C-alpha atoms as a PDB file:
ATOM      1  CA  UNK A   1       0.000   0.000   0.000  1.00  0.00           C
ATOM      2  CA  UNK A   2       1.503   3.316  -1.021  1.00  0.00           C
ATOM      3  CA  UNK A   3       1.473   6.351   1.205  1.00  0.00           C
ATOM      4  CA  UNK A   4       1.485  10.016   0.331  1.00  0.00           C
ATOM      5  CA  UNK A   5       3.837  12.246   2.300  1.00  0.00           C
ATOM      6  CA  UNK A   6       3.370  15.985   2.509  1.00  0.00           C
ATOM      7  CA  UNK A   7       6.331  18.308   2.194  1.00  0.00           C
ATOM      8  CA  UNK A   8       6.655  18.925   5.935  1.00  0.00           C
ATOM      9  CA  UNK A   9       6.320  15.300   7.004  1.00  0.00           C
ATOM     10  CA  UNK A  10       9.188  13.921   4.929  1.00  0.00           C
ATOM     11  CA  UNK A  11      12.568  13.505   6.519  1.00  0.00           C
ATOM     12  CA  UNK A  12      14.380  12.006   3.544  1.00  0.00           C
ATOM     13  CA  UNK A  13      16.100  13.757   0.641  1.00  0.00           C
ATOM     14  CA  UNK A  14      13.040  13.532  -1.566  1.00  0.00           C
ATOM     15  CA  UNK A  15      10.159  15.790  -0.694  1.00  0.00           C
ATOM     16  CA  UNK A  16       6.648  15.893  -2.076  1.00  0.00           C
ATOM     17  CA  UNK A  17       4.109  18.565  -2.884  1.00  0.00           C
ATOM     18  CA  UNK A  18       0.628  17.124  -2.704  1.00  0.00           C
ATOM     19  CA  UNK A  19      -2.190  18.682  -4.674  1.00  0.00           C
ATOM     20  CA  UNK A  20      -5.484  17.818  -3.054  1.00  0.00           C
ATOM     21  CA  UNK A  21      -8.653  19.480  -4.103  1.00  0.00           C
ATOM     22  CA  UNK A  22     -12.036  19.776  -2.443  1.00  0.00           C
ATOM     23  CA  UNK A  23     -15.424  18.747  -3.725  1.00  0.00           C
ATOM     24  CA  UNK A  24     -15.137  21.288  -6.530  1.00  0.00           C
ATOM     25  CA  UNK A  25     -13.117  18.725  -8.481  1.00  0.00           C
ATOM     26  CA  UNK A  26     -15.766  16.109  -7.836  1.00  0.00           C
ATOM     27  CA  UNK A  27     -18.350  18.450  -9.270  1.00  0.00           C
ATOM     28  CA  UNK A  28     -16.234  19.127 -12.341  1.00  0.00           C
ATOM     29  CA  UNK A  29     -15.097  15.583 -12.988  1.00  0.00           C
ATOM     30  CA  UNK A  30     -18.057  13.511 -11.870  1.00  0.00           C
ATOM     31  CA  UNK A  31     -21.063  15.795 -11.991  1.00  0.00           C
ATOM     32  CA  UNK A  32     -22.939  17.534  -9.204  1.00  0.00           C
ATOM     33  CA  UNK A  33     -24.829  14.429  -8.132  1.00  0.00           C
ATOM     34  CA  UNK A  34     -21.688  12.473  -7.309  1.00  0.00           C
ATOM     35  CA  UNK A  35     -19.384  15.093  -5.811  1.00  0.00           C
ATOM     36  CA  UNK A  36     -16.490  13.774  -3.730  1.00  0.00           C
ATOM     37  CA  UNK A  37     -17.475  13.514  -0.092  1.00  0.00           C
ATOM     38  CA  UNK A  38     -14.437  11.981   1.612  1.00  0.00           C
ATOM     39  CA  UNK A  39     -10.846  13.193   1.390  1.00  0.00           C
ATOM     40  CA  UNK A  40      -9.830   9.779   0.036  1.00  0.00           C
ATOM     41  CA  UNK A  41     -12.214  10.338  -2.887  1.00  0.00           C
ATOM     42  CA  UNK A  42     -10.598  13.652  -3.803  1.00  0.00           C
ATOM     43  CA  UNK A  43      -8.351  13.509  -6.877  1.00  0.00           C
ATOM     44  CA  UNK A  44      -4.705  14.113  -6.040  1.00  0.00           C
ATOM     45  CA  UNK A  45      -1.399  14.187  -7.851  1.00  0.00           C
ATOM     46  CA  UNK A  46       1.944  13.894  -6.098  1.00  0.00           C
ATOM     47  CA  UNK A  47       4.712  16.069  -7.525  1.00  0.00           C
ATOM     48  CA  UNK A  48       8.124  14.870  -6.377  1.00  0.00           C
ATOM     49  CA  UNK A  49      11.054  17.229  -5.968  1.00  0.00           C
ATOM     50  CA  UNK A  50      14.295  17.465  -4.063  1.00  0.00           C
ATOM     51  CA  UNK A  51      15.175  20.293  -1.724  1.00  0.00           C
ATOM     52  CA  UNK A  52      18.377  20.846  -3.695  1.00  0.00           C
ATOM     53  CA  UNK A  53      16.464  21.499  -6.915  1.00  0.00           C
ATOM     54  CA  UNK A  54      14.971  24.613  -5.311  1.00  0.00           C
ATOM     55  CA  UNK A  55      18.437  26.171  -5.003  1.00  0.00           C
ATOM     56  CA  UNK A  56      18.448  27.211  -8.665  1.00  0.00           C
ATOM     57  CA  UNK A  57      16.112  29.359 -10.755  1.00  0.00           C
ATOM     58  CA  UNK A  58      15.808  26.552 -13.292  1.00  0.00           C
ATOM     59  CA  UNK A  59      14.829  24.075 -10.570  1.00  0.00           C
ATOM     60  CA  UNK A  60      12.213  26.420  -9.121  1.00  0.00           C
ATOM     61  CA  UNK A  61      10.769  27.106 -12.578  1.00  0.00           C
ATOM     62  CA  UNK A  62      10.664  23.384 -13.352  1.00  0.00           C
ATOM     63  CA  UNK A  63       8.798  22.602 -10.120  1.00  0.00           C
ATOM     64  CA  UNK A  64       6.339  25.431 -10.773  1.00  0.00           C
ATOM     65  CA  UNK A  65       5.700  24.103 -14.286  1.00  0.00           C
ATOM     66  CA  UNK A  66       5.125  20.581 -12.948  1.00  0.00           C
ATOM     67  CA  UNK A  67       2.773  21.852 -10.210  1.00  0.00           C
ATOM     68  CA  UNK A  68       0.677  23.762 -12.755  1.00  0.00           C
ATOM     69  CA  UNK A  69       0.587  20.705 -15.037  1.00  0.00           C
ATOM     70  CA  UNK A  70      -0.595  18.561 -12.120  1.00  0.00           C
ATOM     71  CA  UNK A  71      -3.319  21.101 -11.336  1.00  0.00           C
ATOM     72  CA  UNK A  72      -4.535  20.837 -14.927  1.00  0.00           C
ATOM     73  CA  UNK A  73      -4.580  17.062 -14.565  1.00  0.00           C
ATOM     74  CA  UNK A  74      -6.779  17.026 -11.459  1.00  0.00           C
ATOM     75  CA  UNK A  75      -8.945  19.982 -12.542  1.00  0.00           C
ATOM     76  CA  UNK A  76     -10.207  19.064 -15.990  1.00  0.00           C
ATOM     77  CA  UNK A  77     -10.888  21.998 -18.300  1.00  0.00           C
ATOM     78  CA  UNK A  78     -14.435  23.189 -18.638  1.00  0.00           C
ATOM     79  CA  UNK A  79     -16.162  23.063 -21.968  1.00  0.00           C
ATOM     80  CA  UNK A  80     -15.569  25.993 -24.288  1.00  0.00           C
ATOM     81  CA  UNK A  81     -19.354  26.191 -24.559  1.00  0.00           C
ATOM     82  CA  UNK A  82     -19.827  26.604 -20.818  1.00  0.00           C
ATOM     83  CA  UNK A  83     -18.410  29.742 -19.257  1.00  0.00           C
ATOM     84  CA  UNK A  84     -19.472  28.521 -15.817  1.00  0.00           C
ATOM     85  CA  UNK A  85     -17.588  25.223 -16.262  1.00  0.00           C
ATOM     86  CA  UNK A  86     -14.531  27.045 -17.562  1.00  0.00           C
ATOM     87  CA  UNK A  87     -14.523  29.409 -14.578  1.00  0.00           C
ATOM     88  CA  UNK A  88     -14.937  26.524 -12.113  1.00  0.00           C
ATOM     89  CA  UNK A  89     -11.987  24.696 -13.679  1.00  0.00           C
ATOM     90  CA  UNK A  90      -9.837  27.851 -13.558  1.00  0.00           C
ATOM     91  CA  UNK A  91     -10.726  28.415  -9.897  1.00  0.00           C
ATOM     92  CA  UNK A  92      -9.942  24.794  -9.071  1.00  0.00           C
ATOM     93  CA  UNK A  93      -6.533  25.025 -10.772  1.00  0.00           C
ATOM     94  CA  UNK A  94      -5.667  28.299  -9.066  1.00  0.00           C
ATOM     95  CA  UNK A  95      -6.550  26.886  -5.634  1.00  0.00           C
ATOM     96  CA  UNK A  96      -4.590  23.682  -6.293  1.00  0.00           C
ATOM     97  CA  UNK A  97      -1.462  25.580  -7.329  1.00  0.00           C
ATOM     98  CA  UNK A  98      -1.722  27.949  -4.354  1.00  0.00           C
ATOM     99  CA  UNK A  99      -2.123  25.021  -1.947  1.00  0.00           C
ATOM    100  CA  UNK A 100       0.888  23.186  -3.389  1.00  0.00           C
ATOM    101  CA  UNK A 101       3.080  26.305  -3.290  1.00  0.00           C
ATOM    102  CA  UNK A 102       2.137  26.813   0.354  1.00  0.00           C
ATOM    103  CA  UNK A 103       2.921  23.166   1.188  1.00  0.00           C
ATOM    104  CA  UNK A 104       6.385  23.411  -0.346  1.00  0.00           C
ATOM    105  CA  UNK A 105       7.153  26.477   1.755  1.00  0.00           C
ATOM    106  CA  UNK A 106       9.978  27.850  -0.418  1.00  0.00           C
ATOM    107  CA  UNK A 107      10.318  31.631  -0.746  1.00  0.00           C
ATOM    108  CA  UNK A 108      11.722  31.489  -4.286  1.00  0.00           C
ATOM    109  CA  UNK A 109       8.851  29.312  -5.467  1.00  0.00           C
ATOM    110  CA  UNK A 110       6.362  31.601  -3.693  1.00  0.00           C
ATOM    111  CA  UNK A 111       7.883  34.643  -5.425  1.00  0.00           C
ATOM    112  CA  UNK A 112       7.614  32.965  -8.834  1.00  0.00           C
ATOM    113  CA  UNK A 113       3.987  32.064  -8.095  1.00  0.00           C
ATOM    114  CA  UNK A 114       3.266  35.651  -7.010  1.00  0.00           C
ATOM    115  CA  UNK A 115       4.740  37.063 -10.221  1.00  0.00           C
ATOM    116  CA  UNK A 116       2.678  34.655 -12.348  1.00  0.00           C
ATOM    117  CA  UNK A 117      -0.469  35.384 -10.350  1.00  0.00           C
ATOM    118  CA  UNK A 118       0.002  39.131 -10.742  1.00  0.00           C
ATOM    119  CA  UNK A 119       0.463  38.793 -14.514  1.00  0.00           C
ATOM    120  CA  UNK A 120      -2.587  36.567 -14.935  1.00  0.00           C
END
């Protein structure tokens, strides 16, 4: 049985950022009638990284790119015909990225996130 480790719980060289989303993802992915009700039912993607990779700009940018890709994976895009669905997916992705950045707890990654958030 595999276990997921959050960034602060790991003591080894490898650390993890865990993207876990609330029932919003259940609504987007499964429909309103079957929204996720338990945390174990919530879609999640584990993004692995090493603490050393955050020492360089390239490493920070790579982790940010992988976090945003994971958010897109767990927050499927809304239909182009449904503005409401599109906005829900965008909100879900934004919340997932923000949560992962906070879990990592790295100032350089937070600054990169802030600059991307400010620019849209």
